[in-house]
C-alpha atoms as a PDB file:
ATOM      1  CA  MET A   1       8.014  54.238 135.639  1.00  0.00           C
ATOM      2  CA  ALA A   2      10.505  52.608 137.132  1.00  0.00           C
ATOM      3  CA  ARG A   3      10.959  49.883 134.117  1.00  0.00           C
ATOM      4  CA  ARG A   4      11.364  53.160 131.954  1.00  0.00           C
ATOM      5  CA  CYS A   5      14.065  54.688 133.764  1.00  0.00           C
ATOM      6  CA  LEU A   6      16.167  51.305 134.146  1.00  0.00           C
ATOM      7  CA  VAL A   7      16.016  51.614 130.277  1.00  0.00           C
ATOM      8  CA  GLU A   8      17.319  54.873 129.868  1.00  0.00           C
ATOM      9  CA  VAL A   9      20.021  54.256 132.453  1.00  0.00           C
ATOM     10  CA  GLU A  10      21.179  50.794 129.728  1.00  0.00           C
ATOM     11  CA  VAL A  11      20.715  53.031 126.499  1.00  0.00           C
ATOM     12  CA  LEU A  12      22.802  56.056 127.923  1.00  0.00           C
ATOM     13  CA  SER A  13      25.388  53.277 129.489  1.00  0.00           C
ATOM     14  CA  CYS A  14      25.852  52.159 125.572  1.00  0.00           C
ATOM     15  CA  LEU A  15      26.100  55.652 124.268  1.00  0.00           C
ATOM     16  CA  LEU A  16      28.803  56.869 126.845  1.00  0.00           C
ATOM     17  CA  PRO A  17      31.273  54.676 125.647  1.00  0.00           C
ATOM     18  CA  LEU A  18      30.790  55.767 121.967  1.00  0.00           C
ATOM     19  CA  VAL A  19      31.133  59.341 123.025  1.00  0.00           C
ATOM     20  CA  GLY A  20      34.554  59.016 124.758  1.00  0.00           C
ATOM     21  CA  LEU A  21      35.727  57.141 121.419  1.00  0.00           C
ATOM     22  CA  ALA A  22      34.213  60.209 119.295  1.00  0.00           C
ATOM     23  CA  LEU A  23      35.850  62.617 121.411  1.00  0.00           C
ATOM     24  CA  ALA A  24      39.330  60.610 121.418  1.00  0.00           C
ATOM     25  CA  ALA A  25      39.155  59.819 117.564  1.00  0.00           C
ATOM     26  CA  GLY A  26      38.754  64.153 116.958  1.00  0.00           C
ATOM     27  CA  PRO A  27      42.481  64.600 118.308  1.00  0.00           C
ATOM     28  CA  SER A  28      44.281  61.478 117.045  1.00  0.00           C
ATOM     29  CA  GLU A  29      42.747  61.958 113.564  1.00  0.00           C
ATOM     30  CA  SER A  30      44.369  65.697 113.891  1.00  0.00           C
ATOM     31  CA  VAL A  31      47.504  64.159 114.867  1.00  0.00           C
ATOM     32  CA  ARG A  32      47.526  61.509 111.910  1.00  0.00           C
ATOM     33  CA  SER A  33      47.060  64.466 109.775  1.00  0.00           C
ATOM     34  CA  ASP A  34      49.889  66.390 111.102  1.00  0.00           C
ATOM     35  CA  ASP A  35      52.041  63.309 110.587  1.00  0.00           C
ATOM     36  CA  THR A  36      50.945  62.854 107.301  1.00  0.00           C
ATOM     37  CA  VAL A  37      52.061  66.146 106.082  1.00  0.00           C
ATOM     38  CA  THR A  38      55.362  65.832 108.062  1.00  0.00           C
ATOM     39  CA  VAL A  39      56.348  62.331 106.101  1.00  0.00           C
ATOM     40  CA  ARG A  40      55.002  63.826 103.060  1.00  0.00           C
ATOM     41  CA  GLY A  41      57.585  66.789 103.610  1.00  0.00           C
ATOM     42  CA  ARG A  42      60.388  64.692 104.536  1.00  0.00           C
ATOM     43  CA  ALA A  43      59.840  62.145 101.223  1.00  0.00           C
ATOM     44  CA  ARG A  44      59.597  65.600  99.187  1.00  0.00           C
ATOM     45  CA  ARG A  45      63.132  66.392 100.575  1.00  0.00           C
ATOM     46  CA  LYS A  46      64.415  62.739 100.057  1.00  0.00           C
ATOM     47  CA  ALA A  47      63.128  63.225  96.206  1.00  0.00           C
ATOM     48  CA  GLU A  48      64.194  66.113  95.775  1.00  0.00           C
ATOM     49  CA  LYS A  49      67.842  65.137  96.823  1.00  0.00           C
ATOM     50  CA  ALA A  50      67.405  61.700  95.191  1.00  0.00           C
ATOM     51  CA  ARG A  51      66.687  63.951  91.934  1.00  0.00           C
ATOM     52  CA  ILE A  52      70.586  65.240  92.002  1.00  0.00           C
ATOM     53  CA  THR A  53      72.206  62.012  90.230  1.00  0.00           C
ATOM     54  CA  ALA A  54      75.629  63.515  89.878  1.00  0.00           C
ATOM     55  CA  ARG A  55      78.520  60.883  89.438  1.00  0.00           C
ATOM     56  CA  HIS A  56      81.830  63.202  89.062  1.00  0.00           C
ATOM     57  CA  SER A  57      82.927  65.759  90.945  1.00  0.00           C
ATOM     58  CA  LEU A  58      85.836  68.418  90.294  1.00  0.00           C
ATOM     59  CA  THR A  59      86.921  70.535  92.684  1.00  0.00           C
ATOM     60  CA  ILE A  60      89.729  73.270  93.323  1.00  0.00           C
ATOM     61  CA  SER A  61      90.669  74.665  96.538  1.00  0.00           C
ATOM     62  CA  PRO A  62      90.528  78.496  96.618  1.00  0.00           C
ATOM     63  CA  PHE A  63      92.676  78.689  99.853  1.00  0.00           C
ATOM     64  CA  ARG A  64      95.670  77.366  97.814  1.00  0.00           C
ATOM     65  CA  ALA A  65      95.457  79.997  95.110  1.00  0.00           C
ATOM     66  CA  THR A  66      96.534  82.404  97.536  1.00  0.00           C
ATOM     67  CA  TRP A  67     100.019  80.736  98.181  1.00  0.00           C
ATOM     68  CA  PRO A  68     100.079  80.413  95.311  1.00  0.00           C
ATOM     69  CA  ALA A  69      99.191  76.794  94.505  1.00  0.00           C
ATOM     70  CA  PHE A  70      96.965  74.511  92.545  1.00  0.00           C
ATOM     71  CA  HIS A  71      95.059  71.619  94.452  1.00  0.00           C
ATOM     72  CA  GLY A  72      92.358  70.110  92.261  1.00  0.00           C
ATOM     73  CA  ARG A  73      90.262  66.907  93.212  1.00  0.00           C
ATOM     74  CA  TYR A  74      88.475  64.591  91.160  1.00  0.00           C
ATOM     75  CA  GLU A  75      85.690  62.052  92.646  1.00  0.00           C
ATOM     76  CA  LYS A  76      83.903  59.226  91.276  1.00  0.00           C
ATOM     77  CA  ARG A  77      80.812  57.690  92.514  1.00  0.00           C
ATOM     78  CA  LEU A  78      81.105  53.730  92.870  1.00  0.00           C
ATOM     79  CA  THR A  79      77.971  53.275  94.616  1.00  0.00           C
ATOM     80  CA  PRO A  80      75.047  56.041  95.708  1.00  0.00           C
ATOM     81  CA  HIS A  81      77.193  55.744  99.234  1.00  0.00           C
ATOM     82  CA  LEU A  82      80.410  55.241  98.516  1.00  0.00           C
ATOM     83  CA  GLY A  83      83.246  57.507  96.370  1.00  0.00           C
ATOM     84  CA  ALA A  84      86.707  57.597  95.311  1.00  0.00           C
ATOM     85  CA  ASP A  85      88.850  60.489  94.473  1.00  0.00           C
ATOM     86  CA  VAL A  86      92.358  61.465  93.416  1.00  0.00           C
ATOM     87  CA  ALA A  87      93.726  64.806  94.083  1.00  0.00           C
ATOM     88  CA  VAL A  88      97.166  66.246  92.577  1.00  0.00           C
ATOM     89  CA  GLY A  89      99.038  69.987  94.129  1.00  0.00           C
ATOM     90  CA  PHE A  90     101.706  71.872  92.919  1.00  0.00           C
ATOM     91  CA  GLY A  91     103.212  75.369  93.019  1.00  0.00           C
ATOM     92  CA  SER A  92     104.742  77.322  95.789  1.00  0.00           C
ATOM     93  CA  TRP A  93     104.396  76.811  99.744  1.00  0.00           C
ATOM     94  CA  ASN A  94     103.787  80.449 101.009  1.00  0.00           C
ATOM     95  CA  PRO A  95     100.724  80.343 102.851  1.00  0.00           C
ATOM     96  CA  LEU A  96      98.967  83.696 104.648  1.00  0.00           C
ATOM     97  CA  SER A  97     100.364  82.456 108.347  1.00  0.00           C
ATOM     98  CA  ALA A  98     104.051  82.157 107.143  1.00  0.00           C
ATOM     99  CA  ARG A  99     103.990  85.219 105.642  1.00  0.00           C
ATOM    100  CA  VAL A 100     102.756  87.115 108.926  1.00  0.00           C
ATOM    101  CA  VAL A 101     105.202  85.213 110.853  1.00  0.00           C
ATOM    102  CA  ASN A 102     108.195  86.486 108.493  1.00  0.00           C
ATOM    103  CA  ALA A 103     106.723  90.094 108.486  1.00  0.00           C
ATOM    104  CA  LEU A 104     106.754  90.256 112.599  1.00  0.00           C
ATOM    105  CA  THR A 105     110.088  88.634 112.634  1.00  0.00           C
ATOM    106  CA  ALA A 106     111.682  90.622 109.437  1.00  0.00           C
ATOM    107  CA  THR A 107     112.811  87.342 108.338  1.00  0.00           C
ATOM    108  CA  GLU A 108     112.997  86.440 104.929  1.00  0.00           C
ATOM    109  CA  MET A 109     111.211  82.903 103.691  1.00  0.00           C
ATOM    110  CA  PRO A 110     113.009  81.111 101.318  1.00  0.00           C
ATOM    111  CA  ASP A 111     111.044  79.954  97.817  1.00  0.00           C
ATOM    112  CA  VAL A 112     109.765  76.224  98.869  1.00  0.00           C
ATOM    113  CA  SER A 113     108.116  74.613  95.563  1.00  0.00           C
ATOM    114  CA  MET A 114     105.964  72.007  96.429  1.00  0.00           C
ATOM    115  CA  ARG A 115     104.158  68.806  94.744  1.00  0.00           C
ATOM    116  CA  GLU A 116     101.580  66.166  96.268  1.00  0.00           C
ATOM    117  CA  VAL A 117      99.554  63.400  95.132  1.00  0.00           C
ATOM    118  CA  GLU A 118      96.181  61.822  97.123  1.00  0.00           C
ATOM    119  CA  GLY A 119      94.151  59.430  97.045  1.00  0.00           C
ATOM    120  CA  GLY A 120      91.076  58.446  99.225  1.00  0.00           C
ATOM    121  CA  LEU A 121      88.241  55.907  99.954  1.00  0.00           C
ATOM    122  CA  SER A 122      84.591  57.743 101.524  1.00  0.00           C
ATOM    123  CA  ALA A 123      81.543  56.061 102.836  1.00  0.00           C
ATOM    124  CA  TYR A 124      78.648  58.724 102.932  1.00  0.00           C
ATOM    125  CA  VAL A 125      77.353  58.337 106.015  1.00  0.00           C
ATOM    126  CA  GLY A 126      73.728  59.305 106.613  1.00  0.00           C
ATOM    127  CA  GLY A 127      73.709  60.827 102.818  1.00  0.00           C
ATOM    128  CA  ARG A 128      74.430  59.956  99.435  1.00  0.00           C
ATOM    129  CA  PHE A 129      77.524  60.944  96.998  1.00  0.00           C
ATOM    130  CA  ALA A 130      75.725  64.397  96.193  1.00  0.00           C
ATOM    131  CA  ARG A 131      74.993  65.166  99.692  1.00  0.00           C
ATOM    132  CA  GLY A 132      76.083  63.730 102.812  1.00  0.00           C
ATOM    133  CA  MET A 133      78.957  63.434 105.346  1.00  0.00           C
ATOM    134  CA  GLN A 134      81.907  61.442 104.508  1.00  0.00           C
ATOM    135  CA  LEU A 135      84.148  59.063 106.324  1.00  0.00           C
ATOM    136  CA  GLY A 136      86.974  57.392 104.898  1.00  0.00           C
ATOM    137  CA  MET A 137      90.447  56.537 104.438  1.00  0.00           C
ATOM    138  CA  THR A 138      93.223  59.100 103.168  1.00  0.00           C
ATOM    139  CA  VAL A 139      96.904  58.432 101.331  1.00  0.00           C
ATOM    140  CA  ARG A 140      99.183  61.362 100.401  1.00  0.00           C
ATOM    141  CA  ARG A 141     102.274  61.658  99.278  1.00  0.00           C
ATOM    142  CA  GLN A 142     104.602  65.332  99.442  1.00  0.00           C
ATOM    143  CA  VAL A 143     107.813  66.250  98.180  1.00  0.00           C
ATOM    144  CA  ALA A 144     108.879  70.028  98.793  1.00  0.00           C
ATOM    145  CA  THR A 145     112.229  71.554  97.424  1.00  0.00           C
ATOM    146  CA  SER A 146     114.026  74.555  98.055  1.00  0.00           C
ATOM    147  CA  GLU A 147     117.374  76.632  97.032  1.00  0.00           C
ATOM    148  CA  VAL A 148     118.708  78.997  99.454  1.00  0.00           C
ATOM    149  CA  VAL A 149     121.639  81.053  98.673  1.00  0.00           C
ATOM    150  CA  TRP A 150     123.006  82.500 101.763  1.00  0.00           C
ATOM    151  CA  GLY A 151     125.559  85.342 100.226  1.00  0.00           C
ATOM    152  CA  VAL A 152     128.616  86.008  99.035  1.00  0.00           C
ATOM    153  CA  ASP A 153     131.364  87.353 101.456  1.00  0.00           C
ATOM    154  CA  PRO A 154     132.991  90.504  99.688  1.00  0.00           C
ATOM    155  CA  THR A 155     135.799  90.129 101.521  1.00  0.00           C
ATOM    156  CA  THR A 156     136.716  85.908 100.948  1.00  0.00           C
ATOM    157  CA  GLY A 157     134.691  85.522  98.102  1.00  0.00           C
ATOM    158  CA  ALA A 158     132.936  82.643  99.966  1.00  0.00           C
ATOM    159  CA  SER A 159     129.470  81.509  99.244  1.00  0.00           C
ATOM    160  CA  THR A 160     127.155  79.238 100.960  1.00  0.00           C
ATOM    161  CA  THR A 161     124.505  77.489  98.838  1.00  0.00           C
ATOM    162  CA  THR A 162     121.928  75.098 100.753  1.00  0.00           C
ATOM    163  CA  ASN A 163     119.629  72.644  98.326  1.00  0.00           C
ATOM    164  CA  PHE A 164     116.771  71.287 100.316  1.00  0.00           C
ATOM    165  CA  GLU A 165     114.285  68.213  99.666  1.00  0.00           C
ATOM    166  CA  ALA A 166     111.600  66.497 102.453  1.00  0.00           C
ATOM    167  CA  ARG A 167     109.330  63.821 100.993  1.00  0.00           C
ATOM    168  CA  ALA A 168     106.367  62.774 103.156  1.00  0.00           C
ATOM    169  CA  THR A 169     104.005  59.829 103.273  1.00  0.00           C
ATOM    170  CA  THR A 170     100.747  60.163 105.196  1.00  0.00           C
ATOM    171  CA  VAL A 171      98.058  57.551 106.025  1.00  0.00           C
ATOM    172  CA  GLY A 172      94.913  58.255 108.046  1.00  0.00           C
ATOM    173  CA  PRO A 173      91.361  58.438 108.467  1.00  0.00           C
ATOM    174  CA  HIS A 174      89.193  61.576 107.659  1.00  0.00           C
ATOM    175  CA  LEU A 175      85.915  62.975 107.702  1.00  0.00           C
ATOM    176  CA  GLY A 176      84.244  65.571 105.417  1.00  0.00           C
ATOM    177  CA  LEU A 177      80.865  67.292 104.288  1.00  0.00           C
ATOM    178  CA  LYS A 178      79.909  67.425 100.648  1.00  0.00           C
ATOM    179  CA  ARG A 179      76.771  69.336  99.196  1.00  0.00           C
ATOM    180  CA  VAL A 180      75.747  69.486  95.533  1.00  0.00           C
ATOM    181  CA  GLY A 181      73.286  72.303  94.399  1.00  0.00           C
ATOM    182  CA  LYS A 182      70.870  71.062  91.619  1.00  0.00           C
ATOM    183  CA  ARG A 183      72.511  73.366  89.073  1.00  0.00           C
ATOM    184  CA  GLY A 184      75.994  70.906  90.000  1.00  0.00           C
ATOM    185  CA  LEU A 185      77.752  73.801  92.179  1.00  0.00           C
ATOM    186  CA  THR A 186      79.793  71.562  94.670  1.00  0.00           C
ATOM    187  CA  PHE A 187      80.855  72.738  98.195  1.00  0.00           C
ATOM    188  CA  GLN A 188      83.480  69.958 100.096  1.00  0.00           C
ATOM    189  CA  ALA A 189      85.458  70.382 102.894  1.00  0.00           C
ATOM    190  CA  ARG A 190      87.659  67.779 104.752  1.00  0.00           C
ATOM    191  CA  VAL A 191      89.986  67.117 107.782  1.00  0.00           C
ATOM    192  CA  GLY A 192      91.941  64.069 108.753  1.00  0.00           C
ATOM    193  CA  GLY A 193      94.457  63.218 111.006  1.00  0.00           C
ATOM    194  CA  GLY A 194      97.145  60.016 110.674  1.00  0.00           C
ATOM    195  CA  TRP A 195     100.624  58.913 110.699  1.00  0.00           C
ATOM    196  CA  MET A 196     103.560  60.601 109.042  1.00  0.00           C
ATOM    197  CA  PHE A 197     106.397  58.875 107.581  1.00  0.00           C
ATOM    198  CA  ALA A 198     108.801  61.574 106.371  1.00  0.00           C
ATOM    199  CA  ASP A 199     112.617  62.252 105.418  1.00  0.00           C
ATOM    200  CA  ALA A 200     114.572  65.447 104.775  1.00  0.00           C
ATOM    201  CA  GLU A 201     117.865  65.662 102.639  1.00  0.00           C
ATOM    202  CA  ALA A 202     119.853  68.833 102.678  1.00  0.00           C
ATOM    203  CA  ASN A 203     123.530  69.419 100.921  1.00  0.00           C
ATOM    204  CA  THR A 204     124.928  72.501 101.797  1.00  0.00           C
ATOM    205  CA  GLU A 205     127.956  73.757  99.386  1.00  0.00           C
ATOM    206  CA  LEU A 206     130.529  76.203 100.952  1.00  0.00           C
ATOM    207  CA  ALA A 207     132.624  77.657  98.079  1.00  0.00           C
ATOM    208  CA  VAL A 208     135.803  79.617  98.419  1.00  0.00           C
ATOM    209  CA  ALA A 209     138.100  80.843  95.509  1.00  0.00           C
ATOM    210  CA  ASP A 210     138.212  77.749  93.262  1.00  0.00           C
ATOM    211  CA  SER A 211     137.731  75.492  96.088  1.00  0.00           C
ATOM    212  CA  SER A 212     134.649  74.039  97.540  1.00  0.00           C
ATOM    213  CA  ALA A 213     133.397  71.770 100.342  1.00  0.00           C
ATOM    214  CA  LEU A 214     130.004  69.701 100.347  1.00  0.00           C
ATOM    215  CA  LEU A 215     128.251  69.142 103.803  1.00  0.00           C
ATOM    216  CA  PRO A 216     125.136  66.863 103.376  1.00  0.00           C
ATOM    217  CA  MET A 217     122.719  66.379 106.348  1.00  0.00           C
ATOM    218  CA  THR A 218     119.910  63.880 106.608  1.00  0.00           C
ATOM    219  CA  ARG A 219     117.061  63.620 108.933  1.00  0.00           C
ATOM    220  CA  GLY A 220     113.556  61.670 109.316  1.00  0.00           C
ATOM    221  CA  TYR A 221     110.381  61.996 111.191  1.00  0.00           C
ATOM    222  CA  SER A 222     107.812  59.984 111.888  1.00  0.00           C
ATOM    223  CA  GLY A 223     104.678  60.432 114.192  1.00  0.00           C
ATOM    224  CA  PRO A 224     101.064  61.761 113.864  1.00  0.00           C
ATOM    225  CA  MET A 225     100.128  64.542 111.494  1.00  0.00           C
ATOM    226  CA  VAL A 226      97.051  66.217 110.731  1.00  0.00           C
ATOM    227  CA  PHE A 227      95.704  67.348 107.495  1.00  0.00           C
ATOM    228  CA  GLY A 228      92.540  69.300 105.587  1.00  0.00           C
ATOM    229  CA  ASN A 229      91.458  70.789 102.368  1.00  0.00           C
ATOM    230  CA  MET A 230      88.480  72.840 101.163  1.00  0.00           C
ATOM    231  CA  GLY A 231      86.986  73.066  97.556  1.00  0.00           C
ATOM    232  CA  ILE A 232      84.520  74.185  95.100  1.00  0.00           C
ATOM    233  CA  GLY A 233      83.962  73.215  91.936  1.00  0.00           C
ATOM    234  CA  TYR A 234      80.674  71.251  89.636  1.00  0.00           C
ATOM    235  CA  SER A 235      79.777  67.881  89.716  1.00  0.00           C
ATOM    236  CA  PHE A 236      77.633  66.231  86.857  1.00  0.00           C
END
């Protein structure tokens, strides 16, 4: 009898570790199954993003159109994680903020014409050309011109006219976001800051009867500057 009990104890001692392993294997198998589903879901999302193989992007700025002005950007994919772009802009400088200030202060803003050209190089961090965060460098050149006529004095007939031109070059890093949909619809936003080198020249002409005098004035600026732009368009 004692021998039989001893045999049963030995059998149980051999079976208990196996039972423990079986119980432990159940939850772990479930976890592995969940992990597999998660991995497959991530792989599917990556595959969907990889199917967007756009190599070119064209976007325009809807906010600039309200000035009114045009600002368009073309970007070319150099590698899946690197893009180069060039942008051009022209039109009037009369943003909504300036119009609000003019209305509150009862002042009249002179017409300002602007032209700009911009180049940039962007690395796509944590993504690709079609979808990712941009980190890069921007070089921008802007020229603004305006002519202001101060009016004619009815008594003396004197008039004052000022011609103004400002030129600025900005160099600095930028941070952006880009998303390209399956049908090519593209959204892009960019903000940056850098160093501006600017100079301005104003020539004021005072005219009275048949005589006139020219008063030139020049100014320069060098310092920090922020810039940004948002665009919508199409990629192919």
